[in-house]
Amino acid sequence: MKIKAFKTSICGLLLGLICFTNYSFGITYQNQLDSTNTGFKLKTIVVDAGHGGHDPGAYGSFSMEKNVTLAIAFKLQQAIQKDLPDVNVVMTRTTDEFVELHKRSEIANKAKGNIFISIHCNSLADSRSSEIVDYTKGRHGKKTPVYKTVVVHNHSGKGVLVLVYGFKRTGEQLEAIRENASILQEKNYKDYYADDDDPTSAMVLNAFRDKYRKQSIHLANLINSEFTDTDGRYSNGVKEQSLHVLANSGMPAVLVETGFINNAEEEEYLNSDNGQTEVVNSIVRAIKQYKRELEQKAQPQ
């Protein structure tokens, strides 16, 4: 009976926490992207340049993800300020510095952002195989193979990918594992991040996710359509994954994988002024469409 009573009180506490979380969001983000809010205006966009400092992200043949993302983020900031002068742009980093994932969310939430856009580059992991390179003879003339481990580089990745937060999406975890690896660079990371296997964490993270899930997916689809329809880029689609950088942002949030940095052709594109400008223009067009739709819906009937 004591165990049952304990479990009941724990469940009650969790439900209360989730209700409080949603209530807090309702107060802090009362002008958030909710089409039922009359007179809504998109005021603040948070731009996040992935990785940085001692966390380089993915490697290309001559460039690192952290530098490419910062360059694109700066261009995105400038383009938004030019095309949407009434919108404030907040950057999570402006130098080659390491910003912990939970602090990126904190920056976005404190700025009362209406959209969170995280810029990244994709990469396919290398594989390893063993091959026989020689034989040695034993005392009885028996041949014993000598093996060598060979690293096989996978440069076949191509195209863009737009991610939104989704809790434990089975079969779609490779990107999540790679992007969440930045957490291990942080001191005391266990103090800031929920345990994905803990049901308590699942309930709290889902409370964050569900509030802005529809808007996140809609924004992601708009961005993806601009990449494919306007720029003719190949797309790997819009997917939901357990990304901590998106999990705790109290606003619609997307992570844009702008291309594969370990693909020679795409690395050149991502490091070129033309390529970065195309990426930025696609995102800005999507933001403008998103802003227009929501502000029109918010007009009094």
C-alpha atoms as a PDB file:
ATOM      1  CA  MET A   1       0.000   0.000   0.000  1.00  0.00           C
ATOM      2  CA  LYS A   2       2.841   2.356   0.790  1.00  0.00           C
ATOM      3  CA  ILE A   3       4.391   1.706  -2.622  1.00  0.00           C
ATOM      4  CA  LYS A   4       1.066   2.330  -4.341  1.00  0.00           C
ATOM      5  CA  ALA A   5       0.554   5.547  -2.423  1.00  0.00           C
ATOM      6  CA  PHE A   6       4.082   6.650  -3.287  1.00  0.00           C
ATOM      7  CA  LYS A   7       3.519   5.990  -6.994  1.00  0.00           C
ATOM      8  CA  THR A   8       0.229   7.878  -6.850  1.00  0.00           C
ATOM      9  CA  SER A   9       1.866  10.907  -5.265  1.00  0.00           C
ATOM     10  CA  ILE A  10       4.702  10.803  -7.830  1.00  0.00           C
ATOM     11  CA  CYS A  11       2.211  10.750 -10.713  1.00  0.00           C
ATOM     12  CA  GLY A  12       0.342  13.640  -9.148  1.00  0.00           C
ATOM     13  CA  LEU A  13       3.557  15.594  -8.813  1.00  0.00           C
ATOM     14  CA  LEU A  14       4.463  14.936 -12.460  1.00  0.00           C
ATOM     15  CA  LEU A  15       1.065  16.031 -13.707  1.00  0.00           C
ATOM     16  CA  GLY A  16       1.323  19.150 -11.608  1.00  0.00           C
ATOM     17  CA  LEU A  17       4.779  19.869 -13.011  1.00  0.00           C
ATOM     18  CA  ILE A  18       3.571  19.476 -16.586  1.00  0.00           C
ATOM     19  CA  CYS A  19       0.565  21.706 -15.938  1.00  0.00           C
ATOM     20  CA  PHE A  20       2.856  24.287 -14.379  1.00  0.00           C
ATOM     21  CA  THR A  21       5.221  24.037 -17.351  1.00  0.00           C
ATOM     22  CA  ASN A  22       2.414  24.639 -19.812  1.00  0.00           C
ATOM     23  CA  TYR A  23       1.008  27.427 -17.645  1.00  0.00           C
ATOM     24  CA  SER A  24       4.429  29.068 -17.459  1.00  0.00           C
ATOM     25  CA  PHE A  25       4.777  28.880 -21.223  1.00  0.00           C
ATOM     26  CA  GLY A  26       1.326  30.401 -21.525  1.00  0.00           C
ATOM     27  CA  ILE A  27       2.420  33.417 -19.491  1.00  0.00           C
ATOM     28  CA  THR A  28       5.939  33.820 -20.847  1.00  0.00           C
ATOM     29  CA  TYR A  29       4.956  33.199 -24.456  1.00  0.00           C
ATOM     30  CA  GLN A  30       1.421  34.566 -24.490  1.00  0.00           C
ATOM     31  CA  ASN A  31       2.189  36.245 -27.817  1.00  0.00           C
ATOM     32  CA  GLN A  32       3.689  33.043 -29.182  1.00  0.00           C
ATOM     33  CA  LEU A  33       2.914  31.565 -32.584  1.00  0.00           C
ATOM     34  CA  ASP A  34      -0.670  30.654 -31.836  1.00  0.00           C
ATOM     35  CA  SER A  35      -3.096  31.493 -34.593  1.00  0.00           C
ATOM     36  CA  THR A  36      -5.804  32.170 -32.002  1.00  0.00           C
ATOM     37  CA  ASN A  37      -3.891  35.144 -30.586  1.00  0.00           C
ATOM     38  CA  THR A  38      -5.448  38.275 -32.034  1.00  0.00           C
ATOM     39  CA  GLY A  39      -2.882  40.779 -33.235  1.00  0.00           C
ATOM     40  CA  PHE A  40       0.043  38.352 -33.143  1.00  0.00           C
ATOM     41  CA  LYS A  41       3.310  39.698 -34.572  1.00  0.00           C
ATOM     42  CA  LEU A  42       6.453  37.688 -35.167  1.00  0.00           C
ATOM     43  CA  LYS A  43       8.957  39.802 -33.275  1.00  0.00           C
ATOM     44  CA  THR A  44      12.041  37.721 -32.477  1.00  0.00           C
ATOM     45  CA  ILE A  45      13.931  34.998 -34.338  1.00  0.00           C
ATOM     46  CA  VAL A  46      16.760  33.112 -32.653  1.00  0.00           C
ATOM     47  CA  VAL A  47      19.528  31.921 -34.990  1.00  0.00           C
ATOM     48  CA  ASP A  48      21.782  29.185 -33.656  1.00  0.00           C
ATOM     49  CA  ALA A  49      25.112  28.389 -35.323  1.00  0.00           C
ATOM     50  CA  GLY A  50      25.760  24.742 -34.493  1.00  0.00           C
ATOM     51  CA  HIS A  51      28.862  23.558 -32.588  1.00  0.00           C
ATOM     52  CA  GLY A  52      31.806  25.943 -31.963  1.00  0.00           C
ATOM     53  CA  GLY A  53      35.018  26.238 -29.961  1.00  0.00           C
ATOM     54  CA  HIS A  54      36.448  22.867 -28.979  1.00  0.00           C
ATOM     55  CA  ASP A  55      33.425  21.176 -30.586  1.00  0.00           C
ATOM     56  CA  PRO A  56      34.163  21.350 -34.346  1.00  0.00           C
ATOM     57  CA  GLY A  57      31.188  19.293 -35.463  1.00  0.00           C
ATOM     58  CA  ALA A  58      31.639  17.354 -38.695  1.00  0.00           C
ATOM     59  CA  TYR A  59      34.756  17.556 -40.856  1.00  0.00           C
ATOM     60  CA  GLY A  60      35.050  18.027 -44.590  1.00  0.00           C
ATOM     61  CA  SER A  61      38.261  17.731 -46.580  1.00  0.00           C
ATOM     62  CA  PHE A  62      39.205  21.356 -45.917  1.00  0.00           C
ATOM     63  CA  SER A  63      36.565  22.807 -43.595  1.00  0.00           C
ATOM     64  CA  MET A  64      34.820  22.257 -40.279  1.00  0.00           C
ATOM     65  CA  GLU A  65      31.110  22.398 -39.567  1.00  0.00           C
ATOM     66  CA  LYS A  66      31.456  24.979 -36.783  1.00  0.00           C
ATOM     67  CA  ASN A  67      32.907  27.554 -39.205  1.00  0.00           C
ATOM     68  CA  VAL A  68      30.405  26.915 -41.981  1.00  0.00           C
ATOM     69  CA  THR A  69      27.438  27.176 -39.626  1.00  0.00           C
ATOM     70  CA  LEU A  70      28.668  30.468 -38.177  1.00  0.00           C
ATOM     71  CA  ALA A  71      29.155  31.952 -41.649  1.00  0.00           C
ATOM     72  CA  ILE A  72      25.644  30.913 -42.708  1.00  0.00           C
ATOM     73  CA  ALA A  73      24.177  32.147 -39.409  1.00  0.00           C
ATOM     74  CA  PHE A  74      25.703  35.611 -39.919  1.00  0.00           C
ATOM     75  CA  LYS A  75      24.312  35.769 -43.452  1.00  0.00           C
ATOM     76  CA  LEU A  76      20.907  34.671 -42.166  1.00  0.00           C
ATOM     77  CA  GLN A  77      20.973  37.369 -39.495  1.00  0.00           C
ATOM     78  CA  GLN A  78      21.778  40.033 -42.083  1.00  0.00           C
ATOM     79  CA  ALA A  79      19.147  38.798 -44.538  1.00  0.00           C
ATOM     80  CA  ILE A  80      16.393  38.784 -41.901  1.00  0.00           C
ATOM     81  CA  GLN A  81      17.340  42.278 -40.759  1.00  0.00           C
ATOM     82  CA  LYS A  82      17.222  43.469 -44.361  1.00  0.00           C
ATOM     83  CA  ASP A  83      13.991  41.774 -45.474  1.00  0.00           C
ATOM     84  CA  LEU A  84      12.161  41.901 -42.130  1.00  0.00           C
ATOM     85  CA  PRO A  85      13.402  45.072 -40.411  1.00  0.00           C
ATOM     86  CA  ASP A  86      10.678  44.861 -37.764  1.00  0.00           C
ATOM     87  CA  VAL A  87      11.992  41.489 -36.556  1.00  0.00           C
ATOM     88  CA  ASN A  88      14.720  41.223 -33.924  1.00  0.00           C
ATOM     89  CA  VAL A  89      17.427  38.591 -34.509  1.00  0.00           C
ATOM     90  CA  VAL A  90      19.176  36.985 -31.543  1.00  0.00           C
ATOM     91  CA  MET A  91      22.333  34.913 -32.122  1.00  0.00           C
ATOM     92  CA  THR A  92      23.298  32.111 -29.735  1.00  0.00           C
ATOM     93  CA  ARG A  93      26.944  32.641 -30.666  1.00  0.00           C
ATOM     94  CA  THR A  94      28.823  35.197 -32.746  1.00  0.00           C
ATOM     95  CA  THR A  95      32.370  33.885 -32.324  1.00  0.00           C
ATOM     96  CA  ASP A  96      34.175  30.550 -32.418  1.00  0.00           C
ATOM     97  CA  GLU A  97      33.069  29.632 -28.905  1.00  0.00           C
ATOM     98  CA  PHE A  98      31.539  26.555 -27.334  1.00  0.00           C
ATOM     99  CA  VAL A  99      28.000  27.224 -26.135  1.00  0.00           C
ATOM    100  CA  GLU A 100      26.381  24.404 -24.192  1.00  0.00           C
ATOM    101  CA  LEU A 101      23.152  23.092 -25.684  1.00  0.00           C
ATOM    102  CA  HIS A 102      21.044  23.973 -22.650  1.00  0.00           C
ATOM    103  CA  LYS A 103      22.405  27.536 -22.748  1.00  0.00           C
ATOM    104  CA  ARG A 104      21.331  27.887 -26.379  1.00  0.00           C
ATOM    105  CA  SER A 105      17.777  27.115 -25.290  1.00  0.00           C
ATOM    106  CA  GLU A 106      18.117  29.505 -22.360  1.00  0.00           C
ATOM    107  CA  ILE A 107      19.229  32.308 -24.690  1.00  0.00           C
ATOM    108  CA  ALA A 108      16.235  31.657 -26.936  1.00  0.00           C
ATOM    109  CA  ASN A 109      13.744  31.520 -24.074  1.00  0.00           C
ATOM    110  CA  LYS A 110      15.077  34.630 -22.327  1.00  0.00           C
ATOM    111  CA  ALA A 111      14.821  36.528 -25.611  1.00  0.00           C
ATOM    112  CA  LYS A 112      11.163  35.418 -25.852  1.00  0.00           C
ATOM    113  CA  GLY A 113      11.871  34.120 -29.326  1.00  0.00           C
ATOM    114  CA  ASN A 114       9.060  33.273 -31.712  1.00  0.00           C
ATOM    115  CA  ILE A 115      11.195  30.962 -33.870  1.00  0.00           C
ATOM    116  CA  PHE A 116      14.391  29.013 -33.146  1.00  0.00           C
ATOM    117  CA  ILE A 117      16.497  28.015 -36.175  1.00  0.00           C
ATOM    118  CA  SER A 118      19.622  25.920 -35.648  1.00  0.00           C
ATOM    119  CA  ILE A 119      22.081  25.727 -38.555  1.00  0.00           C
ATOM    120  CA  HIS A 120      24.138  22.563 -39.085  1.00  0.00           C
ATOM    121  CA  CYS A 121      25.997  20.525 -41.706  1.00  0.00           C
ATOM    122  CA  ASN A 122      25.380  16.836 -42.214  1.00  0.00           C
ATOM    123  CA  SER A 123      27.934  14.030 -42.505  1.00  0.00           C
ATOM    124  CA  LEU A 124      27.946  10.272 -42.959  1.00  0.00           C
ATOM    125  CA  ALA A 125      30.025   8.210 -40.566  1.00  0.00           C
ATOM    126  CA  ASP A 126      33.029   6.252 -41.778  1.00  0.00           C
ATOM    127  CA  SER A 127      32.878   2.477 -41.593  1.00  0.00           C
ATOM    128  CA  ARG A 128      35.641   0.010 -40.776  1.00  0.00           C
ATOM    129  CA  SER A 129      36.393  -3.350 -42.293  1.00  0.00           C
ATOM    130  CA  SER A 130      39.162  -5.929 -41.981  1.00  0.00           C
ATOM    131  CA  GLU A 131      41.116  -7.301 -44.910  1.00  0.00           C
ATOM    132  CA  ILE A 132      43.881  -9.869 -45.208  1.00  0.00           C
ATOM    133  CA  VAL A 133      47.207  -8.239 -46.058  1.00  0.00           C
ATOM    134  CA  ASP A 134      49.604 -11.129 -45.511  1.00  0.00           C
ATOM    135  CA  TYR A 135      50.072 -14.629 -44.134  1.00  0.00           C
ATOM    136  CA  THR A 136      52.479 -15.987 -41.582  1.00  0.00           C
ATOM    137  CA  LYS A 137      53.603 -19.585 -41.313  1.00  0.00           C
ATOM    138  CA  GLY A 138      53.438 -21.486 -38.088  1.00  0.00           C
ATOM    139  CA  ARG A 139      55.787 -24.213 -36.915  1.00  0.00           C
ATOM    140  CA  HIS A 140      53.915 -26.856 -38.854  1.00  0.00           C
ATOM    141  CA  GLY A 141      53.692 -24.804 -42.032  1.00  0.00           C
ATOM    142  CA  LYS A 142      50.127 -23.713 -41.389  1.00  0.00           C
ATOM    143  CA  LYS A 143      49.335 -20.297 -42.813  1.00  0.00           C
ATOM    144  CA  THR A 144      47.784 -17.731 -40.483  1.00  0.00           C
ATOM    145  CA  PRO A 145      46.215 -14.627 -42.047  1.00  0.00           C
ATOM    146  CA  VAL A 146      47.342 -11.162 -40.969  1.00  0.00           C
ATOM    147  CA  TYR A 147      44.488  -8.661 -40.915  1.00  0.00           C
ATOM    148  CA  LYS A 148      44.502  -4.905 -41.326  1.00  0.00           C
ATOM    149  CA  THR A 149      41.667  -2.593 -40.340  1.00  0.00           C
ATOM    150  CA  VAL A 150      40.643  -0.366 -43.222  1.00  0.00           C
ATOM    151  CA  VAL A 151      38.642   2.840 -42.782  1.00  0.00           C
ATOM    152  CA  VAL A 152      36.062   3.257 -45.514  1.00  0.00           C
ATOM    153  CA  HIS A 153      35.008   6.877 -45.996  1.00  0.00           C
ATOM    154  CA  ASN A 154      31.385   7.383 -46.966  1.00  0.00           C
ATOM    155  CA  HIS A 155      31.026  10.452 -49.169  1.00  0.00           C
ATOM    156  CA  SER A 156      27.701   9.447 -50.694  1.00  0.00           C
ATOM    157  CA  GLY A 157      25.533  11.712 -48.534  1.00  0.00           C
ATOM    158  CA  LYS A 158      23.682  14.401 -50.429  1.00  0.00           C
ATOM    159  CA  GLY A 159      21.051  17.049 -49.860  1.00  0.00           C
ATOM    160  CA  VAL A 160      19.311  18.971 -47.131  1.00  0.00           C
ATOM    161  CA  LEU A 161      17.416  17.687 -44.110  1.00  0.00           C
ATOM    162  CA  VAL A 162      15.125  19.636 -41.775  1.00  0.00           C
ATOM    163  CA  LEU A 163      14.585  18.282 -38.269  1.00  0.00           C
ATOM    164  CA  VAL A 164      12.041  19.008 -35.556  1.00  0.00           C
ATOM    165  CA  TYR A 165      11.957  17.624 -32.055  1.00  0.00           C
ATOM    166  CA  GLY A 166      10.391  14.191 -31.633  1.00  0.00           C
ATOM    167  CA  PHE A 167      10.758  12.036 -28.542  1.00  0.00           C
ATOM    168  CA  LYS A 168      12.321   8.610 -29.245  1.00  0.00           C
ATOM    169  CA  ARG A 169      11.583   8.317 -32.955  1.00  0.00           C
ATOM    170  CA  THR A 170      12.565   4.711 -33.659  1.00  0.00           C
ATOM    171  CA  GLY A 171      14.840   4.244 -36.657  1.00  0.00           C
ATOM    172  CA  GLU A 172      15.682   7.929 -37.016  1.00  0.00           C
ATOM    173  CA  GLN A 173      18.359   8.291 -34.370  1.00  0.00           C
ATOM    174  CA  LEU A 174      21.614   8.644 -36.340  1.00  0.00           C
ATOM    175  CA  GLU A 175      21.294  12.419 -36.648  1.00  0.00           C
ATOM    176  CA  ALA A 176      20.189  12.680 -33.035  1.00  0.00           C
ATOM    177  CA  ILE A 177      23.190  10.703 -31.806  1.00  0.00           C
ATOM    178  CA  ARG A 178      25.607  12.850 -33.809  1.00  0.00           C
ATOM    179  CA  GLU A 179      24.112  16.205 -32.852  1.00  0.00           C
ATOM    180  CA  ASN A 180      23.541  15.282 -29.194  1.00  0.00           C
ATOM    181  CA  ALA A 181      27.187  14.196 -28.912  1.00  0.00           C
ATOM    182  CA  SER A 182      28.002  17.855 -28.214  1.00  0.00           C
ATOM    183  CA  ILE A 183      26.550  17.333 -24.744  1.00  0.00           C
ATOM    184  CA  LEU A 184      29.529  15.176 -23.801  1.00  0.00           C
ATOM    185  CA  GLN A 185      31.765  18.224 -24.323  1.00  0.00           C
ATOM    186  CA  GLU A 186      29.979  19.984 -21.471  1.00  0.00           C
ATOM    187  CA  LYS A 187      30.881  19.974 -17.802  1.00  0.00           C
ATOM    188  CA  ASN A 188      28.191  18.567 -15.492  1.00  0.00           C
ATOM    189  CA  TYR A 189      26.037  17.714 -18.488  1.00  0.00           C
ATOM    190  CA  LYS A 190      23.987  15.269 -16.406  1.00  0.00           C
ATOM    191  CA  ASP A 191      22.693  18.203 -14.369  1.00  0.00           C
ATOM    192  CA  TYR A 192      21.099  19.846 -17.404  1.00  0.00           C
ATOM    193  CA  TYR A 193      19.664  17.101 -19.585  1.00  0.00           C
ATOM    194  CA  ALA A 194      16.862  14.668 -19.091  1.00  0.00           C
ATOM    195  CA  ASP A 195      17.404  10.924 -19.235  1.00  0.00           C
ATOM    196  CA  ASP A 196      15.676   9.634 -22.375  1.00  0.00           C
ATOM    197  CA  ASP A 197      14.976   6.308 -20.637  1.00  0.00           C
ATOM    198  CA  ASP A 198      13.364   7.921 -17.614  1.00  0.00           C
ATOM    199  CA  PRO A 199       9.529   8.147 -17.838  1.00  0.00           C
ATOM    200  CA  THR A 200       9.599  11.342 -15.786  1.00  0.00           C
ATOM    201  CA  SER A 201      11.898  12.952 -18.352  1.00  0.00           C
ATOM    202  CA  ALA A 202       9.705  11.688 -21.174  1.00  0.00           C
ATOM    203  CA  MET A 203       6.628  13.379 -19.714  1.00  0.00           C
ATOM    204  CA  VAL A 204       8.375  16.704 -19.192  1.00  0.00           C
ATOM    205  CA  LEU A 205      10.071  16.710 -22.613  1.00  0.00           C
ATOM    206  CA  ASN A 206       6.805  15.810 -24.304  1.00  0.00           C
ATOM    207  CA  ALA A 207       5.142  18.761 -22.594  1.00  0.00           C
ATOM    208  CA  PHE A 208       7.727  21.036 -24.220  1.00  0.00           C
ATOM    209  CA  ARG A 209       7.427  19.337 -27.570  1.00  0.00           C
ATOM    210  CA  ASP A 210       3.662  19.125 -27.942  1.00  0.00           C
ATOM    211  CA  LYS A 211       3.023  22.809 -27.372  1.00  0.00           C
ATOM    212  CA  TYR A 212       4.871  23.857 -30.520  1.00  0.00           C
ATOM    213  CA  ARG A 213       5.030  20.639 -32.535  1.00  0.00           C
ATOM    214  CA  LYS A 214       2.553  21.614 -35.262  1.00  0.00           C
ATOM    215  CA  GLN A 215       4.144  25.003 -35.868  1.00  0.00           C
ATOM    216  CA  SER A 216       7.623  23.461 -35.942  1.00  0.00           C
ATOM    217  CA  ILE A 217       6.579  20.900 -38.544  1.00  0.00           C
ATOM    218  CA  HIS A 218       4.839  23.545 -40.638  1.00  0.00           C
ATOM    219  CA  LEU A 219       7.895  25.828 -40.609  1.00  0.00           C
ATOM    220  CA  ALA A 220      10.143  22.864 -41.427  1.00  0.00           C
ATOM    221  CA  ASN A 221       7.978  21.946 -44.417  1.00  0.00           C
ATOM    222  CA  LEU A 222       8.066  25.523 -45.706  1.00  0.00           C
ATOM    223  CA  ILE A 223      11.871  25.594 -45.473  1.00  0.00           C
ATOM    224  CA  ASN A 224      12.177  22.198 -47.126  1.00  0.00           C
ATOM    225  CA  SER A 225       9.884  23.258 -49.983  1.00  0.00           C
ATOM    226  CA  GLU A 226      11.997  26.337 -50.649  1.00  0.00           C
ATOM    227  CA  PHE A 227      15.138  24.206 -50.871  1.00  0.00           C
ATOM    228  CA  THR A 228      13.571  21.774 -53.326  1.00  0.00           C
ATOM    229  CA  ASP A 229      11.156  23.913 -55.356  1.00  0.00           C
ATOM    230  CA  THR A 230      13.206  27.106 -55.672  1.00  0.00           C
ATOM    231  CA  ASP A 231      16.827  25.965 -55.434  1.00  0.00           C
ATOM    232  CA  GLY A 232      16.387  22.492 -56.890  1.00  0.00           C
ATOM    233  CA  ARG A 233      18.244  20.889 -53.974  1.00  0.00           C
ATOM    234  CA  TYR A 234      17.854  17.217 -53.204  1.00  0.00           C
ATOM    235  CA  SER A 235      16.078  16.750 -49.874  1.00  0.00           C
ATOM    236  CA  ASN A 236      16.119  13.981 -47.299  1.00  0.00           C
ATOM    237  CA  GLY A 237      12.830  15.334 -46.011  1.00  0.00           C
ATOM    238  CA  VAL A 238      11.433  16.649 -42.748  1.00  0.00           C
ATOM    239  CA  LYS A 239      11.947  14.326 -39.786  1.00  0.00           C
ATOM    240  CA  GLU A 240      11.320  14.233 -36.054  1.00  0.00           C
ATOM    241  CA  GLN A 241      14.267  13.338 -33.832  1.00  0.00           C
ATOM    242  CA  SER A 242      15.280  13.592 -30.183  1.00  0.00           C
ATOM    243  CA  LEU A 243      17.515  16.651 -30.397  1.00  0.00           C
ATOM    244  CA  HIS A 244      18.281  18.347 -27.093  1.00  0.00           C
ATOM    245  CA  VAL A 245      19.001  21.702 -28.695  1.00  0.00           C
ATOM    246  CA  LEU A 246      15.348  21.792 -29.804  1.00  0.00           C
ATOM    247  CA  ALA A 247      13.777  19.996 -26.846  1.00  0.00           C
ATOM    248  CA  ASN A 248      13.771  22.847 -24.335  1.00  0.00           C
ATOM    249  CA  SER A 249      13.127  25.791 -26.630  1.00  0.00           C
ATOM    250  CA  GLY A 250       9.751  27.273 -25.740  1.00  0.00           C
ATOM    251  CA  MET A 251       8.874  28.156 -29.328  1.00  0.00           C
ATOM    252  CA  PRO A 252       8.591  26.529 -32.756  1.00  0.00           C
ATOM    253  CA  ALA A 253      12.082  25.177 -33.448  1.00  0.00           C
ATOM    254  CA  VAL A 254      13.828  23.559 -36.410  1.00  0.00           C
ATOM    255  CA  LEU A 255      17.322  22.278 -37.104  1.00  0.00           C
ATOM    256  CA  VAL A 256      18.481  22.693 -40.703  1.00  0.00           C
ATOM    257  CA  GLU A 257      21.108  20.290 -42.022  1.00  0.00           C
ATOM    258  CA  THR A 258      22.257  22.452 -44.925  1.00  0.00           C
ATOM    259  CA  GLY A 259      24.184  19.726 -46.765  1.00  0.00           C
ATOM    260  CA  PHE A 260      26.831  17.025 -46.383  1.00  0.00           C
ATOM    261  CA  ILE A 261      30.180  18.560 -45.538  1.00  0.00           C
ATOM    262  CA  ASN A 262      32.013  15.270 -46.220  1.00  0.00           C
ATOM    263  CA  ASN A 263      30.702  15.211 -49.788  1.00  0.00           C
ATOM    264  CA  ALA A 264      33.280  17.092 -51.909  1.00  0.00           C
ATOM    265  CA  GLU A 265      30.723  18.805 -54.140  1.00  0.00           C
ATOM    266  CA  GLU A 266      28.493  19.852 -51.267  1.00  0.00           C
ATOM    267  CA  GLU A 267      31.447  20.996 -49.167  1.00  0.00           C
ATOM    268  CA  GLU A 268      32.453  23.380 -51.958  1.00  0.00           C
ATOM    269  CA  TYR A 269      28.851  24.597 -52.172  1.00  0.00           C
ATOM    270  CA  LEU A 270      28.511  25.126 -48.410  1.00  0.00           C
ATOM    271  CA  ASN A 271      31.769  27.092 -48.249  1.00  0.00           C
ATOM    272  CA  SER A 272      30.959  29.277 -51.261  1.00  0.00           C
ATOM    273  CA  ASP A 273      29.305  32.663 -51.005  1.00  0.00           C
ATOM    274  CA  ASN A 274      26.760  31.605 -53.614  1.00  0.00           C
ATOM    275  CA  GLY A 275      25.884  28.388 -51.788  1.00  0.00           C
ATOM    276  CA  GLN A 276      25.540  30.057 -48.401  1.00  0.00           C
ATOM    277  CA  THR A 277      23.417  32.822 -49.910  1.00  0.00           C
ATOM    278  CA  GLU A 278      21.098  30.283 -51.553  1.00  0.00           C
ATOM    279  CA  VAL A 279      20.655  28.448 -48.254  1.00  0.00           C
ATOM    280  CA  VAL A 280      19.910  31.687 -46.433  1.00  0.00           C
ATOM    281  CA  ASN A 281      17.486  32.975 -49.058  1.00  0.00           C
ATOM    282  CA  SER A 282      15.508  29.733 -48.918  1.00  0.00           C
ATOM    283  CA  ILE A 283      15.184  29.979 -45.141  1.00  0.00           C
ATOM    284  CA  VAL A 284      14.205  33.653 -45.280  1.00  0.00           C
ATOM    285  CA  ARG A 285      11.518  33.041 -47.914  1.00  0.00           C
ATOM    286  CA  ALA A 286      10.069  30.322 -45.696  1.00  0.00           C
ATOM    287  CA  ILE A 287      10.133  32.610 -42.648  1.00  0.00           C
ATOM    288  CA  LYS A 288       8.339  35.356 -44.563  1.00  0.00           C
ATOM    289  CA  GLN A 289       5.651  32.919 -45.682  1.00  0.00           C
ATOM    290  CA  TYR A 290       5.295  31.559 -42.152  1.00  0.00           C
ATOM    291  CA  LYS A 291       5.067  35.063 -40.701  1.00  0.00           C
ATOM    292  CA  ARG A 292       2.528  36.147 -43.300  1.00  0.00           C
ATOM    293  CA  GLU A 293       0.280  33.139 -42.701  1.00  0.00           C
ATOM    294  CA  LEU A 294       0.225  33.444 -38.923  1.00  0.00           C
ATOM    295  CA  GLU A 295      -0.231  37.193 -38.838  1.00  0.00           C
ATOM    296  CA  GLN A 296      -3.105  36.944 -41.310  1.00  0.00           C
ATOM    297  CA  LYS A 297      -4.788  34.308 -39.150  1.00  0.00           C
ATOM    298  CA  ALA A 298      -4.323  36.530 -36.125  1.00  0.00           C
ATOM    299  CA  GLN A 299      -6.193  39.424 -37.729  1.00  0.00           C
ATOM    300  CA  PRO A 300      -9.580  40.095 -36.080  1.00  0.00           C
ATOM    301  CA  GLN A 301     -12.458  38.791 -38.166  1.00  0.00           C
END
